[in-house]
Structure formats: structure tokens, C-alpha cells
Amino acid sequence: MLKRAVRDIWRFYRDGFRSMTLGKTLWALILIKLFILFFVLKLFFFPSFLGGKSDAEKGRYVGTELVGRGIHH
């Protein structure tokens, strides 16, 4: 029952997007935007705080951050 519903939904969207001409362009823009959001922005705005640390140092850092944030909230 669930398998059939998932298959029917998949076919509905697949057939709908095949017949669209503008849809393919819009999906390309969506994928480019997602790439920019998740990969490019991560490189510049989200530094790796745990990079280059040993497992013990990572554990201490995460524990300190969790306890520190728990006290302030």
C-alpha cells in the first residue's frame, strides 16, 4: 500500500517535470542555489572549530560548549 503510494507520487512528479520546459531551468537554479548555500557559504562563514583536534580535545570542547550554553540559558 505505502509502496504503491510512493511509486504513484514519484510517477506524478516525474511525468509532470518531463513535460515542463521552464521547470528544468527552475530546478537547475534551485540546485545551484543549494550548492551555494551549503558549500560556498560554509567555507566562508562557518569555520571548523574541531578541525585538527584529537578526539579527547574534541570531547572537552563540545562538553565545555554544552555546559556553558546550558548555564546561560
N, C-alpha and C. Protein backbone atom coordinates (compact mmCIF):
# COMPACT_ATOMS: atom_id res chain seq x y z
N MET A 1 0.83 -1.19 0.00
CA MET A 1 0.00 0.00 0.00
C MET A 1 0.87 1.26 0.00
N LEU A 2 1.80 1.34 0.96
CA LEU A 2 2.69 2.50 1.04
C LEU A 2 3.62 2.55 -0.16
N LYS A 3 4.11 1.37 -0.57
CA LYS A 3 4.99 1.31 -1.74
C LYS A 3 4.30 1.85 -2.98
N ARG A 4 3.04 1.47 -3.14
CA ARG A 4 2.29 1.91 -4.30
C ARG A 4 2.07 3.42 -4.26
N ALA A 5 1.76 3.96 -3.09
CA ALA A 5 1.54 5.40 -2.97
C ALA A 5 2.81 6.17 -3.30
N VAL A 6 3.94 5.70 -2.79
CA VAL A 6 5.22 6.36 -3.07
C VAL A 6 5.52 6.29 -4.56
N ARG A 7 5.27 5.13 -5.17
CA ARG A 7 5.52 4.97 -6.60
C ARG A 7 4.61 5.89 -7.42
N ASP A 8 3.35 5.99 -7.02
CA ASP A 8 2.42 6.87 -7.74
C ASP A 8 2.83 8.33 -7.62
N ILE A 9 3.26 8.74 -6.45
CA ILE A 9 3.72 10.12 -6.24
C ILE A 9 4.95 10.39 -7.09
N TRP A 10 5.90 9.44 -7.08
CA TRP A 10 7.11 9.58 -7.88
C TRP A 10 6.76 9.74 -9.37
N ARG A 11 5.87 8.89 -9.87
CA ARG A 11 5.48 8.96 -11.28
C ARG A 11 4.78 10.28 -11.60
N PHE A 12 3.95 10.76 -10.69
CA PHE A 12 3.26 12.03 -10.89
C PHE A 12 4.25 13.17 -11.08
N TYR A 13 5.22 13.26 -10.18
CA TYR A 13 6.22 14.34 -10.29
C TYR A 13 7.14 14.13 -11.49
N ARG A 14 7.55 12.91 -11.73
CA ARG A 14 8.43 12.63 -12.86
C ARG A 14 7.77 13.02 -14.18
N ASP A 15 6.55 12.61 -14.37
CA ASP A 15 5.84 12.93 -15.62
C ASP A 15 5.56 14.42 -15.72
N GLY A 16 5.25 15.05 -14.60
CA GLY A 16 4.99 16.48 -14.61
C GLY A 16 6.22 17.29 -14.99
N PHE A 17 7.37 16.91 -14.44
CA PHE A 17 8.59 17.65 -14.75
C PHE A 17 9.11 17.37 -16.15
N ARG A 18 8.81 16.20 -16.67
CA ARG A 18 9.23 15.91 -18.05
C ARG A 18 8.53 16.81 -19.05
N SER A 19 7.27 17.11 -18.77
CA SER A 19 6.52 17.92 -19.73
C SER A 19 6.75 19.41 -19.56
N MET A 20 7.44 19.81 -18.51
CA MET A 20 7.69 21.24 -18.28
C MET A 20 8.93 21.68 -19.04
N THR A 21 8.84 22.87 -19.64
CA THR A 21 10.03 23.42 -20.28
C THR A 21 10.74 24.38 -19.33
N LEU A 22 9.99 25.20 -18.65
CA LEU A 22 10.57 26.14 -17.70
C LEU A 22 10.99 25.43 -16.42
N GLY A 23 10.35 24.32 -16.11
CA GLY A 23 10.63 23.59 -14.88
C GLY A 23 12.07 23.12 -14.77
N LYS A 24 12.63 22.69 -15.88
CA LYS A 24 14.02 22.20 -15.86
C LYS A 24 14.98 23.34 -15.53
N THR A 25 14.70 24.50 -16.08
CA THR A 25 15.54 25.66 -15.79
C THR A 25 15.41 26.06 -14.33
N LEU A 26 14.19 26.03 -13.82
CA LEU A 26 13.99 26.38 -12.41
C LEU A 26 14.68 25.39 -11.48
N TRP A 27 14.62 24.10 -11.81
CA TRP A 27 15.32 23.11 -10.98
C TRP A 27 16.83 23.31 -11.03
N ALA A 28 17.34 23.68 -12.18
CA ALA A 28 18.78 23.96 -12.27
C ALA A 28 19.14 25.14 -11.37
N LEU A 29 18.32 26.18 -11.37
CA LEU A 29 18.57 27.32 -10.49
C LEU A 29 18.48 26.94 -9.02
N ILE A 30 17.52 26.09 -8.68
CA ILE A 30 17.38 25.63 -7.29
C ILE A 30 18.62 24.85 -6.87
N LEU A 31 19.11 23.97 -7.73
CA LEU A 31 20.30 23.18 -7.38
C LEU A 31 21.54 24.05 -7.25
N ILE A 32 21.68 25.04 -8.11
CA ILE A 32 22.81 25.97 -8.00
C ILE A 32 22.73 26.75 -6.69
N LYS A 33 21.54 27.20 -6.35
CA LYS A 33 21.34 27.94 -5.11
C LYS A 33 21.68 27.08 -3.90
N LEU A 34 21.24 25.82 -3.90
CA LEU A 34 21.55 24.93 -2.79
C LEU A 34 23.06 24.69 -2.68
N PHE A 35 23.72 24.55 -3.82
CA PHE A 35 25.17 24.38 -3.82
C PHE A 35 25.83 25.59 -3.16
N ILE A 36 25.40 26.77 -3.54
CA ILE A 36 25.98 27.99 -2.97
C ILE A 36 25.72 28.05 -1.48
N LEU A 37 24.50 27.75 -1.05
CA LEU A 37 24.17 27.83 0.37
C LEU A 37 24.97 26.85 1.20
N PHE A 38 25.04 25.61 0.76
CA PHE A 38 25.64 24.58 1.61
C PHE A 38 27.15 24.45 1.48
N PHE A 39 27.71 24.77 0.37
CA PHE A 39 29.15 24.56 0.20
C PHE A 39 29.95 25.86 0.26
N VAL A 40 29.56 26.82 -0.51
CA VAL A 40 30.33 28.06 -0.58
C VAL A 40 30.22 28.86 0.71
N LEU A 41 29.00 29.06 1.21
CA LEU A 41 28.84 29.83 2.44
C LEU A 41 29.48 29.13 3.64
N LYS A 42 29.45 27.80 3.66
CA LYS A 42 30.08 27.07 4.76
C LYS A 42 31.58 27.36 4.81
N LEU A 43 32.19 27.45 3.67
CA LEU A 43 33.63 27.70 3.64
C LEU A 43 34.00 29.05 4.25
N PHE A 44 33.16 30.06 4.03
CA PHE A 44 33.50 31.41 4.46
C PHE A 44 32.93 31.80 5.82
N PHE A 45 31.77 31.28 6.19
CA PHE A 45 31.09 31.77 7.38
C PHE A 45 31.00 30.78 8.53
N PHE A 46 31.30 29.52 8.30
CA PHE A 46 31.20 28.52 9.35
C PHE A 46 32.54 27.79 9.50
N PRO A 47 33.42 28.33 10.31
CA PRO A 47 34.74 27.71 10.47
C PRO A 47 34.64 26.37 11.19
N SER A 48 35.61 25.53 10.98
CA SER A 48 35.67 24.23 11.63
C SER A 48 36.39 24.38 12.97
N PHE A 49 35.62 24.38 14.03
CA PHE A 49 36.19 24.52 15.37
C PHE A 49 36.90 23.25 15.82
N LEU A 50 36.53 22.12 15.25
CA LEU A 50 37.09 20.85 15.69
C LEU A 50 38.17 20.32 14.78
N GLY A 51 38.44 21.01 13.69
CA GLY A 51 39.45 20.55 12.75
C GLY A 51 40.84 20.54 13.37
N GLY A 52 41.56 19.44 13.21
CA GLY A 52 42.92 19.34 13.70
C GLY A 52 43.04 19.01 15.18
N LYS A 53 41.95 18.71 15.85
CA LYS A 53 41.99 18.37 17.27
C LYS A 53 41.87 16.87 17.43
N SER A 54 42.45 16.38 18.52
CA SER A 54 42.33 14.95 18.81
C SER A 54 40.93 14.66 19.34
N ASP A 55 40.60 13.38 19.47
CA ASP A 55 39.27 13.01 19.96
C ASP A 55 39.04 13.52 21.38
N ALA A 56 40.06 13.47 22.21
CA ALA A 56 39.92 13.95 23.59
C ALA A 56 39.69 15.46 23.61
N GLU A 57 40.41 16.19 22.78
CA GLU A 57 40.22 17.64 22.71
C GLU A 57 38.84 17.99 22.17
N LYS A 58 38.38 17.24 21.19
CA LYS A 58 37.04 17.46 20.65
C LYS A 58 35.98 17.24 21.73
N GLY A 59 36.16 16.17 22.50
CA GLY A 59 35.21 15.88 23.58
C GLY A 59 35.18 16.97 24.62
N ARG A 60 36.35 17.46 25.02
CA ARG A 60 36.40 18.55 26.00
C ARG A 60 35.76 19.82 25.46
N TYR A 61 36.05 20.14 24.21
CA TYR A 61 35.50 21.36 23.60
C TYR A 61 33.97 21.30 23.54
N VAL A 62 33.44 20.19 23.04
CA VAL A 62 31.99 20.05 22.92
C VAL A 62 31.34 20.07 24.30
N GLY A 63 31.93 19.37 25.26
CA GLY A 63 31.39 19.37 26.62
C GLY A 63 31.37 20.75 27.24
N THR A 64 32.46 21.50 27.06
CA THR A 64 32.54 22.86 27.59
C THR A 64 31.49 23.76 26.95
N GLU A 65 31.32 23.64 25.64
CA GLU A 65 30.32 24.45 24.95
C GLU A 65 28.91 24.12 25.40
N LEU A 66 28.62 22.84 25.57
CA LEU A 66 27.27 22.45 26.00
C LEU A 66 26.96 22.93 27.41
N VAL A 67 27.92 22.76 28.31
CA VAL A 67 27.71 23.20 29.69
C VAL A 67 27.61 24.72 29.74
N GLY A 68 28.48 25.41 29.01
CA GLY A 68 28.46 26.88 29.00
C GLY A 68 27.14 27.43 28.46
N ARG A 69 26.64 26.83 27.43
CA ARG A 69 25.37 27.30 26.85
C ARG A 69 24.20 26.92 27.74
N GLY A 70 24.30 25.82 28.45
CA GLY A 70 23.23 25.41 29.36
C GLY A 70 23.12 26.34 30.55
N ILE A 71 24.23 26.86 31.02
CA ILE A 71 24.22 27.77 32.18
C ILE A 71 23.64 29.12 31.79
N HIS A 72 23.92 29.59 30.59
CA HIS A 72 23.48 30.92 30.18
C HIS A 72 22.03 30.95 29.76
N HIS A 73 21.40 29.80 29.56
CA HIS A 73 20.00 29.81 29.11
C HIS A 73 19.11 29.25 30.13
